[in-house]
PDB file of N, CA and C in Angstrom:
ATOM      1  N   MET A   1       0.825  -1.193   0.000  1.00  0.00           N
ATOM      2  CA  MET A   1       0.000   0.000   0.000  1.00  0.00           C
ATOM      3  C   MET A   1       0.868   1.254   0.000  1.00  0.00           C
ATOM      4  N   SER A   2       2.019   1.181   0.607  1.00  0.00           N
ATOM      5  CA  SER A   2       2.875   2.365   0.705  1.00  0.00           C
ATOM      6  C   SER A   2       3.319   2.865  -0.660  1.00  0.00           C
ATOM      7  N   GLN A   3       3.252   2.007  -1.692  1.00  0.00           N
ATOM      8  CA  GLN A   3       3.625   2.441  -3.039  1.00  0.00           C
ATOM      9  C   GLN A   3       2.490   3.191  -3.738  1.00  0.00           C
ATOM     10  N   LEU A   4       1.284   3.124  -3.177  1.00  0.00           N
ATOM     11  CA  LEU A   4       0.110   3.678  -3.843  1.00  0.00           C
ATOM     12  C   LEU A   4      -0.323   5.043  -3.329  1.00  0.00           C
ATOM     13  N   ILE A   5       0.192   5.431  -2.157  1.00  0.00           N
ATOM     14  CA  ILE A   5      -0.172   6.733  -1.597  1.00  0.00           C
ATOM     15  C   ILE A   5       1.102   7.459  -1.200  1.00  0.00           C
ATOM     16  N   SER A   6       1.003   8.738  -0.951  1.00  0.00           N
ATOM     17  CA  SER A   6       2.185   9.536  -0.611  1.00  0.00           C
ATOM     18  C   SER A   6       2.766   9.113   0.741  1.00  0.00           C
ATOM     19  N   GLU A   7       4.031   9.405   0.925  1.00  0.00           N
ATOM     20  CA  GLU A   7       4.691   9.119   2.202  1.00  0.00           C
ATOM     21  C   GLU A   7       3.990   9.841   3.348  1.00  0.00           C
ATOM     22  N   ASP A   8       3.547  11.067   3.100  1.00  0.00           N
ATOM     23  CA  ASP A   8       2.858  11.842   4.141  1.00  0.00           C
ATOM     24  C   ASP A   8       1.572  11.156   4.602  1.00  0.00           C
ATOM     25  N   LEU A   9       0.804  10.639   3.652  1.00  0.00           N
ATOM     26  CA  LEU A   9      -0.426   9.934   4.011  1.00  0.00           C
ATOM     27  C   LEU A   9      -0.105   8.617   4.712  1.00  0.00           C
ATOM     28  N   PHE A  10       0.859   7.880   4.166  1.00  0.00           N
ATOM     29  CA  PHE A  10       1.188   6.583   4.762  1.00  0.00           C
ATOM     30  C   PHE A  10       1.761   6.733   6.167  1.00  0.00           C
ATOM     31  N   ALA A  11       2.409   7.858   6.444  1.00  0.00           N
ATOM     32  CA  ALA A  11       2.947   8.101   7.788  1.00  0.00           C
ATOM     33  C   ALA A  11       1.834   8.164   8.839  1.00  0.00           C
ATOM     34  N   CYS A  12       0.610   8.436   8.411  1.00  0.00           N
ATOM     35  CA  CYS A  12      -0.535   8.506   9.328  1.00  0.00           C
ATOM     36  C   CYS A  12      -1.200   7.147   9.536  1.00  0.00           C
ATOM     37  N   ALA A  13      -0.765   6.144   8.779  1.00  0.00           N
ATOM     38  CA  ALA A  13      -1.385   4.822   8.841  1.00  0.00           C
ATOM     39  C   ALA A  13      -1.148   4.143  10.178  1.00  0.00           C
ATOM     40  N   VAL A  14      -2.129   3.377  10.586  1.00  0.00           N
ATOM     41  CA  VAL A  14      -2.032   2.556  11.787  1.00  0.00           C
ATOM     42  C   VAL A  14      -2.066   1.100  11.323  1.00  0.00           C
ATOM     43  N   ASP A  15      -1.048   0.343  11.685  1.00  0.00           N
ATOM     44  CA  ASP A  15      -0.978  -1.077  11.356  1.00  0.00           C
ATOM     45  C   ASP A  15      -1.906  -1.831  12.313  1.00  0.00           C
ATOM     46  N   LEU A  16      -2.885  -2.517  11.767  1.00  0.00           N
ATOM     47  CA  LEU A  16      -3.883  -3.200  12.585  1.00  0.00           C
ATOM     48  C   LEU A  16      -3.553  -4.667  12.848  1.00  0.00           C
ATOM     49  N   SER A  17      -2.323  -5.079  12.563  1.00  0.00           N
ATOM     50  CA  SER A  17      -1.969  -6.491  12.750  1.00  0.00           C
ATOM     51  C   SER A  17      -2.083  -6.922  14.210  1.00  0.00           C
ATOM     52  N   ASP A  18      -1.820  -6.015  15.154  1.00  0.00           N
ATOM     53  CA  ASP A  18      -1.986  -6.356  16.574  1.00  0.00           C
ATOM     54  C   ASP A  18      -3.442  -6.625  16.927  1.00  0.00           C
ATOM     55  N   GLU A  19      -4.357  -6.143  16.088  1.00  0.00           N
ATOM     56  CA  GLU A  19      -5.792  -6.347  16.305  1.00  0.00           C
ATOM     57  C   GLU A  19      -6.304  -7.554  15.518  1.00  0.00           C
ATOM     58  N   GLY A  20      -5.399  -8.258  14.839  1.00  0.00           N
ATOM     59  CA  GLY A  20      -5.778  -9.437  14.072  1.00  0.00           C
ATOM     60  C   GLY A  20      -6.210  -9.150  12.649  1.00  0.00           C
ATOM     61  N   ALA A  21      -6.010  -7.926  12.191  1.00  0.00           N
ATOM     62  CA  ALA A  21      -6.382  -7.551  10.823  1.00  0.00           C
ATOM     63  C   ALA A  21      -5.112  -7.247  10.034  1.00  0.00           C
ATOM     64  N   HIS A  22      -5.025  -7.785   8.840  1.00  0.00           N
ATOM     65  CA  HIS A  22      -3.849  -7.552   7.996  1.00  0.00           C
ATOM     66  C   HIS A  22      -4.130  -6.377   7.066  1.00  0.00           C
ATOM     67  N   GLU A  23      -4.241  -5.206   7.676  1.00  0.00           N
ATOM     68  CA  GLU A  23      -4.553  -3.988   6.931  1.00  0.00           C
ATOM     69  C   GLU A  23      -4.091  -2.765   7.711  1.00  0.00           C
ATOM     70  N   PHE A  24      -4.224  -1.631   7.078  1.00  0.00           N
ATOM     71  CA  PHE A  24      -3.900  -0.356   7.696  1.00  0.00           C
ATOM     72  C   PHE A  24      -5.167   0.476   7.786  1.00  0.00           C
ATOM     73  N   ALA A  25      -5.239   1.306   8.821  1.00  0.00           N
ATOM     74  CA  ALA A  25      -6.366   2.230   8.970  1.00  0.00           C
ATOM     75  C   ALA A  25      -5.809   3.642   9.054  1.00  0.00           C
ATOM     76  N   PHE A  26      -6.630   4.598   8.646  1.00  0.00           N
ATOM     77  CA  PHE A  26      -6.219   5.994   8.585  1.00  0.00           C
ATOM     78  C   PHE A  26      -7.195   6.864   9.354  1.00  0.00           C
ATOM     79  N   PRO A  27      -6.680   7.856  10.084  1.00  0.00           N
ATOM     80  CA  PRO A  27      -7.572   8.742  10.831  1.00  0.00           C
ATOM     81  C   PRO A  27      -8.449   9.568   9.891  1.00  0.00           C
ATOM     82  N   SER A  28      -9.568  10.025  10.417  1.00  0.00           N
ATOM     83  CA  SER A  28     -10.515  10.812   9.626  1.00  0.00           C
ATOM     84  C   SER A  28      -9.854  11.958   8.879  1.00  0.00           C
ATOM     85  N   ILE A  29      -8.898  12.598   9.526  1.00  0.00           N
ATOM     86  CA  ILE A  29      -8.291  13.800   8.946  1.00  0.00           C
ATOM     87  C   ILE A  29      -7.601  13.543   7.602  1.00  0.00           C
ATOM     88  N   VAL A  30      -7.169  12.297   7.338  1.00  0.00           N
ATOM     89  CA  VAL A  30      -6.501  11.998   6.064  1.00  0.00           C
ATOM     90  C   VAL A  30      -7.223  10.937   5.244  1.00  0.00           C
ATOM     91  N   ALA A  31      -8.282  10.340   5.771  1.00  0.00           N
ATOM     92  CA  ALA A  31      -8.939   9.215   5.095  1.00  0.00           C
ATOM     93  C   ALA A  31      -9.442   9.577   3.700  1.00  0.00           C
ATOM     94  N   CYS A  32      -9.994  10.766   3.535  1.00  0.00           N
ATOM     95  CA  CYS A  32     -10.479  11.161   2.206  1.00  0.00           C
ATOM     96  C   CYS A  32      -9.318  11.312   1.223  1.00  0.00           C
ATOM     97  N   GLY A  33      -8.201  11.791   1.713  1.00  0.00           N
ATOM     98  CA  GLY A  33      -7.004  11.895   0.874  1.00  0.00           C
ATOM     99  C   GLY A  33      -6.495  10.535   0.443  1.00  0.00           C
ATOM    100  N   VAL A  34      -6.572   9.560   1.334  1.00  0.00           N
ATOM    101  CA  VAL A  34      -6.163   8.192   0.997  1.00  0.00           C
ATOM    102  C   VAL A  34      -7.095   7.626  -0.071  1.00  0.00           C
ATOM    103  N   PHE A  35      -8.398   7.794   0.123  1.00  0.00           N
ATOM    104  CA  PHE A  35      -9.366   7.320  -0.879  1.00  0.00           C
ATOM    105  C   PHE A  35      -9.043   7.931  -2.243  1.00  0.00           C
ATOM    106  N   SER A  36      -8.848   9.237  -2.279  1.00  0.00           N
ATOM    107  CA  SER A  36      -8.563   9.929  -3.543  1.00  0.00           C
ATOM    108  C   SER A  36      -7.274   9.440  -4.180  1.00  0.00           C
ATOM    109  N   ALA A  37      -6.237   9.242  -3.367  1.00  0.00           N
ATOM    110  CA  ALA A  37      -4.943   8.779  -3.893  1.00  0.00           C
ATOM    111  C   ALA A  37      -5.063   7.376  -4.481  1.00  0.00           C
ATOM    112  N   LEU A  38      -5.786   6.503  -3.810  1.00  0.00           N
ATOM    113  CA  LEU A  38      -5.987   5.149  -4.333  1.00  0.00           C
ATOM    114  C   LEU A  38      -6.758   5.191  -5.646  1.00  0.00           C
ATOM    115  N   GLU A  39      -7.803   5.985  -5.669  1.00  0.00           N
ATOM    116  CA  GLU A  39      -8.622   6.115  -6.876  1.00  0.00           C
ATOM    117  C   GLU A  39      -7.814   6.720  -8.023  1.00  0.00           C
ATOM    118  N   PHE A  40      -7.092   7.787  -7.739  1.00  0.00           N
ATOM    119  CA  PHE A  40      -6.278   8.463  -8.765  1.00  0.00           C
ATOM    120  C   PHE A  40      -5.194   7.533  -9.300  1.00  0.00           C
ATOM    121  N   GLY A  41      -4.675   6.674  -8.426  1.00  0.00           N
ATOM    122  CA  GLY A  41      -3.628   5.738  -8.834  1.00  0.00           C
ATOM    123  C   GLY A  41      -4.128   4.540  -9.610  1.00  0.00           C
ATOM    124  N   GLY A  42      -5.429   4.455  -9.835  1.00  0.00           N
ATOM    125  CA  GLY A  42      -5.987   3.383 -10.640  1.00  0.00           C
ATOM    126  C   GLY A  42      -6.449   2.165  -9.870  1.00  0.00           C
ATOM    127  N   SER A  43      -6.464   2.234  -8.556  1.00  0.00           N
ATOM    128  CA  SER A  43      -6.948   1.112  -7.751  1.00  0.00           C
ATOM    129  C   SER A  43      -8.466   1.018  -7.841  1.00  0.00           C
ATOM    130  N   SER A  44      -8.966  -0.191  -7.804  1.00  0.00           N
ATOM    131  CA  SER A  44     -10.410  -0.418  -7.720  1.00  0.00           C
ATOM    132  C   SER A  44     -10.751  -0.521  -6.242  1.00  0.00           C
ATOM    133  N   ILE A  45     -11.474   0.451  -5.722  1.00  0.00           N
ATOM    134  CA  ILE A  45     -11.818   0.463  -4.308  1.00  0.00           C
ATOM    135  C   ILE A  45     -13.125  -0.306  -4.132  1.00  0.00           C
ATOM    136  N   LEU A  46     -13.052  -1.356  -3.305  1.00  0.00           N
ATOM    137  CA  LEU A  46     -14.178  -2.272  -3.139  1.00  0.00           C
ATOM    138  C   LEU A  46     -14.996  -1.998  -1.889  1.00  0.00           C
ATOM    139  N   GLY A  47     -14.413  -1.279  -0.911  1.00  0.00           N
ATOM    140  CA  GLY A  47     -15.115  -0.989   0.329  1.00  0.00           C
ATOM    141  C   GLY A  47     -14.140  -0.690   1.447  1.00  0.00           C
ATOM    142  N   GLY A  48     -14.618  -0.828   2.672  1.00  0.00           N
ATOM    143  CA  GLY A  48     -13.748  -0.566   3.810  1.00  0.00           C
ATOM    144  C   GLY A  48     -14.470  -0.721   5.129  1.00  0.00           C
ATOM    145  N   ASP A  49     -13.710  -0.554   6.199  1.00  0.00           N
ATOM    146  CA  ASP A  49     -14.217  -0.741   7.552  1.00  0.00           C
ATOM    147  C   ASP A  49     -13.958   0.481   8.419  1.00  0.00           C
ATOM    148  N   LEU A  50     -14.785   0.613   9.427  1.00  0.00           N
ATOM    149  CA  LEU A  50     -14.605   1.627  10.461  1.00  0.00           C
ATOM    150  C   LEU A  50     -13.880   0.989  11.635  1.00  0.00           C
ATOM    151  N   TRP A  51     -12.861   1.679  12.141  1.00  0.00           N
ATOM    152  CA  TRP A  51     -12.129   1.269  13.343  1.00  0.00           C
ATOM    153  C   TRP A  51     -12.191   2.405  14.338  1.00  0.00           C
ATOM    154  N   LYS A  52     -12.263   2.069  15.605  1.00  0.00           N
ATOM    155  CA  LYS A  52     -12.325   3.076  16.660  1.00  0.00           C
ATOM    156  C   LYS A  52     -11.087   2.978  17.538  1.00  0.00           C
ATOM    157  N   LYS A  53     -10.508   4.136  17.835  1.00  0.00           N
ATOM    158  CA  LYS A  53      -9.377   4.191  18.745  1.00  0.00           C
ATOM    159  C   LYS A  53      -9.915   3.994  20.160  1.00  0.00           C
ATOM    160  N   VAL A  54      -9.364   3.017  20.859  1.00  0.00           N
ATOM    161  CA  VAL A  54      -9.763   2.719  22.243  1.00  0.00           C
ATOM    162  C   VAL A  54      -8.501   2.662  23.090  1.00  0.00           C
ATOM    163  N   ASP A  55      -8.665   2.632  24.371  1.00  0.00           N
ATOM    164  CA  ASP A  55      -7.514   2.590  25.270  1.00  0.00           C
ATOM    165  C   ASP A  55      -6.534   1.499  24.850  1.00  0.00           C
ATOM    166  N   GLY A  56      -5.340   1.908  24.482  1.00  0.00           N
ATOM    167  CA  GLY A  56      -4.284   0.960  24.164  1.00  0.00           C
ATOM    168  C   GLY A  56      -4.375   0.275  22.820  1.00  0.00           C
ATOM    169  N   GLY A  57      -5.272   0.690  21.955  1.00  0.00           N
ATOM    170  CA  GLY A  57      -5.341   0.047  20.652  1.00  0.00           C
ATOM    171  C   GLY A  57      -6.530   0.481  19.831  1.00  0.00           C
ATOM    172  N   PHE A  58      -7.008  -0.458  19.021  1.00  0.00           N
ATOM    173  CA  PHE A  58      -8.108  -0.181  18.109  1.00  0.00           C
ATOM    174  C   PHE A  58      -9.109  -1.324  18.156  1.00  0.00           C
ATOM    175  N   ALA A  59     -10.364  -1.001  17.913  1.00  0.00           N
ATOM    176  CA  ALA A  59     -11.422  -2.003  17.871  1.00  0.00           C
ATOM    177  C   ALA A  59     -12.237  -1.803  16.599  1.00  0.00           C
ATOM    178  N   PHE A  60     -12.672  -2.920  16.027  1.00  0.00           N
ATOM    179  CA  PHE A  60     -13.537  -2.850  14.854  1.00  0.00           C
ATOM    180  C   PHE A  60     -14.789  -2.076  15.227  1.00  0.00           C
ATOM    181  N   GLY A  61     -15.141  -1.085  14.429  1.00  0.00           N
ATOM    182  CA  GLY A  61     -16.273  -0.215  14.732  1.00  0.00           C
ATOM    183  C   GLY A  61     -17.632  -0.785  14.381  1.00  0.00           C
ATOM    184  N   LYS A  62     -17.664  -2.041  13.937  1.00  0.00           N
ATOM    185  CA  LYS A  62     -18.905  -2.746  13.600  1.00  0.00           C
ATOM    186  C   LYS A  62     -19.692  -2.092  12.475  1.00  0.00           C
ATOM    187  N   GLU A  63     -18.979  -1.361  11.620  1.00  0.00           N
ATOM    188  CA  GLU A  63     -19.599  -0.745  10.447  1.00  0.00           C
ATOM    189  C   GLU A  63     -18.661  -0.906   9.256  1.00  0.00           C
ATOM    190  N   SER A  64     -19.244  -1.190   8.101  1.00  0.00           N
ATOM    191  CA  SER A  64     -18.475  -1.351   6.866  1.00  0.00           C
ATOM    192  C   SER A  64     -19.264  -0.747   5.715  1.00  0.00           C
ATOM    193  N   TRP A  65     -18.565  -0.505   4.634  1.00  0.00           N
ATOM    194  CA  TRP A  65     -19.238  -0.092   3.413  1.00  0.00           C
ATOM    195  C   TRP A  65     -18.647  -0.911   2.270  1.00  0.00           C
ATOM    196  N   HIS A  66     -19.384  -1.038   1.190  1.00  0.00           N
ATOM    197  CA  HIS A  66     -18.871  -1.767   0.030  1.00  0.00           C
ATOM    198  C   HIS A  66     -19.409  -1.152  -1.245  1.00  0.00           C
ATOM    199  N   PHE A  67     -18.644  -1.359  -2.283  1.00  0.00           N
ATOM    200  CA  PHE A  67     -19.010  -0.912  -3.618  1.00  0.00           C
ATOM    201  C   PHE A  67     -20.269  -1.646  -4.021  1.00  0.00           C
ATOM    202  N   GLY A  68     -21.256  -0.914  -4.484  1.00  0.00           N
ATOM    203  CA  GLY A  68     -22.535  -1.534  -4.813  1.00  0.00           C
ATOM    204  C   GLY A  68     -22.834  -1.557  -6.293  1.00  0.00           C
ATOM    205  N   SER A  69     -24.007  -2.004  -6.600  1.00  0.00           N
ATOM    206  CA  SER A  69     -24.434  -2.128  -7.991  1.00  0.00           C
ATOM    207  C   SER A  69     -24.703  -0.778  -8.642  1.00  0.00           C
ATOM    208  N   ASP A  70     -24.725   0.292  -7.840  1.00  0.00           N
ATOM    209  CA  ASP A  70     -24.950   1.622  -8.416  1.00  0.00           C
ATOM    210  C   ASP A  70     -23.735   2.120  -9.180  1.00  0.00           C
ATOM    211  N   GLY A  71     -22.605   1.421  -9.053  1.00  0.00           N
ATOM    212  CA  GLY A  71     -21.418   1.750  -9.832  1.00  0.00           C
ATOM    213  C   GLY A  71     -20.636   2.946  -9.344  1.00  0.00           C
ATOM    214  N   CYS A  72     -20.881   3.400  -8.136  1.00  0.00           N
ATOM    215  CA  CYS A  72     -20.182   4.597  -7.675  1.00  0.00           C
ATOM    216  C   CYS A  72     -19.632   4.411  -6.257  1.00  0.00           C
ATOM    217  N   ALA A  73     -18.399   3.934  -6.178  1.00  0.00           N
ATOM    218  CA  ALA A  73     -17.760   3.740  -4.873  1.00  0.00           C
ATOM    219  C   ALA A  73     -17.592   5.074  -4.154  1.00  0.00           C
ATOM    220  N   GLU A  74     -17.318   6.131  -4.909  1.00  0.00           N
ATOM    221  CA  GLU A  74     -17.073   7.435  -4.296  1.00  0.00           C
ATOM    222  C   GLU A  74     -18.284   7.932  -3.505  1.00  0.00           C
ATOM    223  N   LYS A  75     -19.478   7.792  -4.059  1.00  0.00           N
ATOM    224  CA  LYS A  75     -20.682   8.243  -3.341  1.00  0.00           C
ATOM    225  C   LYS A  75     -20.905   7.434  -2.068  1.00  0.00           C
ATOM    226  N   ARG A  76     -20.736   6.125  -2.164  1.00  0.00           N
ATOM    227  CA  ARG A  76     -20.917   5.284  -0.977  1.00  0.00           C
ATOM    228  C   ARG A  76     -19.888   5.635   0.095  1.00  0.00           C
ATOM    229  N   TRP A  77     -18.638   5.865  -0.330  1.00  0.00           N
ATOM    230  CA  TRP A  77     -17.590   6.256   0.613  1.00  0.00           C
ATOM    231  C   TRP A  77     -17.953   7.574   1.290  1.00  0.00           C
ATOM    232  N   GLU A  78     -18.392   8.566   0.522  1.00  0.00           N
ATOM    233  CA  GLU A  78     -18.715   9.877   1.090  1.00  0.00           C
ATOM    234  C   GLU A  78     -19.822   9.785   2.146  1.00  0.00           C
ATOM    235  N   VAL A  79     -20.849   9.001   1.868  1.00  0.00           N
ATOM    236  CA  VAL A  79     -21.941   8.827   2.837  1.00  0.00           C
ATOM    237  C   VAL A  79     -21.409   8.151   4.105  1.00  0.00           C
ATOM    238  N   PHE A  80     -20.641   7.089   3.934  1.00  0.00           N
ATOM    239  CA  PHE A  80     -20.070   6.367   5.071  1.00  0.00           C
ATOM    240  C   PHE A  80     -19.177   7.289   5.902  1.00  0.00           C
ATOM    241  N   PHE A  81     -18.314   8.035   5.230  1.00  0.00           N
ATOM    242  CA  PHE A  81     -17.407   8.949   5.922  1.00  0.00           C
ATOM    243  C   PHE A  81     -18.197  10.012   6.695  1.00  0.00           C
ATOM    244  N   ASP A  82     -19.190  10.595   6.061  1.00  0.00           N
ATOM    245  CA  ASP A  82     -19.999  11.633   6.725  1.00  0.00           C
ATOM    246  C   ASP A  82     -20.704  11.099   7.972  1.00  0.00           C
ATOM    247  N   LEU A  83     -21.117   9.856   7.938  1.00  0.00           N
ATOM    248  CA  LEU A  83     -21.809   9.256   9.086  1.00  0.00           C
ATOM    249  C   LEU A  83     -20.874   8.958  10.258  1.00  0.00           C
ATOM    250  N   PHE A  84     -19.637   8.548   9.957  1.00  0.00           N
ATOM    251  CA  PHE A  84     -18.794   7.988  11.010  1.00  0.00           C
ATOM    252  C   PHE A  84     -17.477   8.716  11.266  1.00  0.00           C
ATOM    253  N   SER A  85     -17.193   9.787  10.559  1.00  0.00           N
ATOM    254  CA  SER A  85     -15.921  10.479  10.799  1.00  0.00           C
ATOM    255  C   SER A  85     -15.939  11.119  12.193  1.00  0.00           C
ATOM    256  N   GLY A  86     -14.773  11.207  12.770  1.00  0.00           N
ATOM    257  CA  GLY A  86     -14.644  11.795  14.093  1.00  0.00           C
ATOM    258  C   GLY A  86     -13.232  11.604  14.618  1.00  0.00           C
ATOM    259  N   GLU A  87     -12.955  12.214  15.732  1.00  0.00           N
ATOM    260  CA  GLU A  87     -11.609  12.202  16.295  1.00  0.00           C
ATOM    261  C   GLU A  87     -11.085  10.792  16.560  1.00  0.00           C
ATOM    262  N   ASP A  88     -11.947   9.880  16.986  1.00  0.00           N
ATOM    263  CA  ASP A  88     -11.521   8.515  17.305  1.00  0.00           C
ATOM    264  C   ASP A  88     -11.817   7.524  16.184  1.00  0.00           C
ATOM    265  N   SER A  89     -12.218   8.022  15.022  1.00  0.00           N
ATOM    266  CA  SER A  89     -12.570   7.158  13.899  1.00  0.00           C
ATOM    267  C   SER A  89     -11.395   6.990  12.943  1.00  0.00           C
ATOM    268  N   TYR A  90     -11.167   5.739  12.565  1.00  0.00           N
ATOM    269  CA  TYR A  90     -10.132   5.391  11.591  1.00  0.00           C
ATOM    270  C   TYR A  90     -10.782   4.526  10.530  1.00  0.00           C
ATOM    271  N   PHE A  91     -10.285   4.616   9.311  1.00  0.00           N
ATOM    272  CA  PHE A  91     -10.896   3.913   8.189  1.00  0.00           C
ATOM    273  C   PHE A  91      -9.867   3.060   7.460  1.00  0.00           C
ATOM    274  N   SER A  92     -10.264   1.833   7.155  1.00  0.00           N
ATOM    275  CA  SER A  92      -9.426   0.968   6.324  1.00  0.00           C
ATOM    276  C   SER A  92     -10.129   0.793   4.981  1.00  0.00           C
ATOM    277  N   PHE A  93      -9.347   0.394   3.981  1.00  0.00           N
ATOM    278  CA  PHE A  93      -9.883   0.258   2.624  1.00  0.00           C
ATOM    279  C   PHE A  93      -9.557  -1.117   2.067  1.00  0.00           C
ATOM    280  N   VAL A  94     -10.527  -1.666   1.357  1.00  0.00           N
ATOM    281  CA  VAL A  94     -10.330  -2.889   0.610  1.00  0.00           C
ATOM    282  C   VAL A  94     -10.267  -2.469  -0.860  1.00  0.00           C
ATOM    283  N   PHE A  95      -9.189  -2.828  -1.511  1.00  0.00           N
ATOM    284  CA  PHE A  95      -9.011  -2.389  -2.894  1.00  0.00           C
ATOM    285  C   PHE A  95      -8.179  -3.391  -3.674  1.00  0.00           C
ATOM    286  N   ARG A  96      -8.282  -3.267  -4.973  1.00  0.00           N
ATOM    287  CA  ARG A  96      -7.469  -4.050  -5.891  1.00  0.00           C
ATOM    288  C   ARG A  96      -6.502  -3.085  -6.556  1.00  0.00           C
ATOM    289  N   SER A  97      -5.224  -3.371  -6.435  1.00  0.00           N
ATOM    290  CA  SER A  97      -4.199  -2.504  -7.024  1.00  0.00           C
ATOM    291  C   SER A  97      -4.287  -2.577  -8.555  1.00  0.00           C
ATOM    292  N   PRO A  98      -3.883  -1.500  -9.204  1.00  0.00           N
ATOM    293  CA  PRO A  98      -3.878  -1.528 -10.678  1.00  0.00           C
ATOM    294  C   PRO A  98      -2.835  -2.523 -11.175  1.00  0.00           C
ATOM    295  N   LEU A  99      -3.112  -3.138 -12.307  1.00  0.00           N
ATOM    296  CA  LEU A  99      -2.144  -4.056 -12.916  1.00  0.00           C
ATOM    297  C   LEU A  99      -0.973  -3.252 -13.456  1.00  0.00           C
ATOM    298  N   ARG A 100       0.188  -3.765 -13.269  1.00  0.00           N
ATOM    299  CA  ARG A 100       1.395  -3.058 -13.739  1.00  0.00           C
ATOM    300  C   ARG A 100       2.105  -3.884 -14.770  1.00  0.00           C
TER     301      ARG A 100
END
């Protein structure tokens, strides 16, 4: 993933492997930038999860979004982000990297 977004954005990433997830999550303040960078880089964004910062770590926020039949991942992402963004909210993304 670090090859697909800027160093500045990736520096904000939280490695969720200690929580049992093989992914990275990003705080609300940069999550939209990460989405845009992935999209601009040609990745197919399939969905993502909400994570909450809790004492000493992170917990799955019990909310997810996914690309739907309406053909617009960006709209679904924007609605999800608007509902759940906040100081303790972090977002992970499920995507397919562009073929090289």
